Amino acid sequence: NERIFGIIYNIIDEKMNVTEIRWDTSMRAPYFNYMDKSVNADQVYQVWFDDENSLRLKYEYAQSMGI
């Protein structure tokens, strides 16, 4: 939903992500890693999300399965 996307893009805008947005070929989805020093300076978090490419692949798969 929009609130979650706002949180994700805020993490990127605040330069909290420690990796660029990456593409996982087995999951066919984008993700990135980030650190939030206000919570735990040593913890790395990972965010998976859908974008236009991952959604297109999911829609195409659903259509090919007749669902």
Protein backbone atom coordinates (compact mmCIF):
# COMPACT_ATOMS: atom_id res chain seq x y z
CA ASN A 1 0.00 0.00 0.00
CA GLU A 2 0.99 3.64 -0.25
CA ARG A 3 2.10 3.94 3.38
CA ILE A 4 4.54 1.04 3.03
CA PHE A 5 5.95 2.43 -0.23
CA GLY A 6 6.41 5.74 1.55
CA ILE A 7 8.46 4.03 4.24
CA ILE A 8 10.56 2.17 1.65
CA TYR A 9 11.29 5.28 -0.39
CA ASN A 10 12.07 7.25 2.77
CA ILE A 11 14.74 4.66 3.64
CA ILE A 12 16.26 5.14 0.19
CA ASP A 13 15.94 8.95 0.28
CA GLU A 14 17.60 9.10 3.70
CA LYS A 15 20.47 6.98 2.28
CA MET A 16 19.92 4.29 4.91
CA ASN A 17 20.20 1.58 2.26
CA VAL A 18 23.60 -0.08 2.29
CA THR A 19 23.10 -1.71 -1.09
CA GLU A 20 21.60 -0.51 -4.32
CA ILE A 21 18.31 -2.02 -5.36
CA ARG A 22 19.16 -5.52 -6.58
CA TRP A 23 17.25 -8.09 -8.62
CA ASP A 24 16.98 -11.69 -7.45
CA THR A 25 16.63 -13.94 -10.49
CA SER A 26 15.20 -16.91 -8.59
CA MET A 27 12.51 -14.85 -6.81
CA ARG A 28 12.11 -12.48 -9.76
CA ALA A 29 11.81 -9.55 -7.39
CA PRO A 30 13.81 -6.51 -6.32
CA TYR A 31 15.27 -6.01 -2.86
CA PHE A 32 17.78 -3.94 -0.95
CA ASN A 33 19.54 -4.01 2.42
CA TYR A 34 19.55 -1.14 4.89
CA MET A 35 20.66 -0.20 8.38
CA ASP A 36 18.68 1.88 10.85
CA LYS A 37 21.17 3.13 13.41
CA SER A 38 18.37 4.56 15.55
CA VAL A 39 17.18 0.99 16.20
CA ASN A 40 20.38 -1.09 16.12
CA ALA A 41 23.67 0.08 14.61
CA ASP A 42 24.83 -3.48 13.87
CA GLN A 43 21.62 -4.91 12.36
CA VAL A 44 21.14 -5.17 8.60
CA TYR A 45 17.53 -5.36 7.39
CA GLN A 46 16.35 -6.57 4.01
CA VAL A 47 13.37 -5.22 2.09
CA TRP A 48 11.69 -7.13 -0.74
CA PHE A 49 9.09 -5.38 -2.84
CA ASP A 50 7.35 -5.47 -6.18
CA ASP A 51 8.01 -3.09 -9.02
CA GLU A 52 6.65 -2.90 -12.56
CA ASN A 53 8.94 -5.72 -13.74
CA SER A 54 8.16 -8.17 -10.94
CA LEU A 55 4.43 -7.46 -11.18
CA ARG A 56 4.49 -7.96 -14.95
CA LEU A 57 6.13 -11.36 -14.49
CA LYS A 58 3.55 -12.35 -11.87
CA TYR A 59 0.65 -11.24 -14.05
CA GLU A 60 2.07 -13.10 -17.04
CA TYR A 61 2.47 -16.24 -14.95
CA ALA A 62 -1.07 -16.01 -13.59
CA GLN A 63 -2.41 -15.50 -17.10
CA SER A 64 -0.46 -18.48 -18.43
CA MET A 65 -1.93 -20.62 -15.61
CA GLY A 66 -5.44 -19.41 -16.40
CA ILE A 67 -5.92 -17.68 -13.08
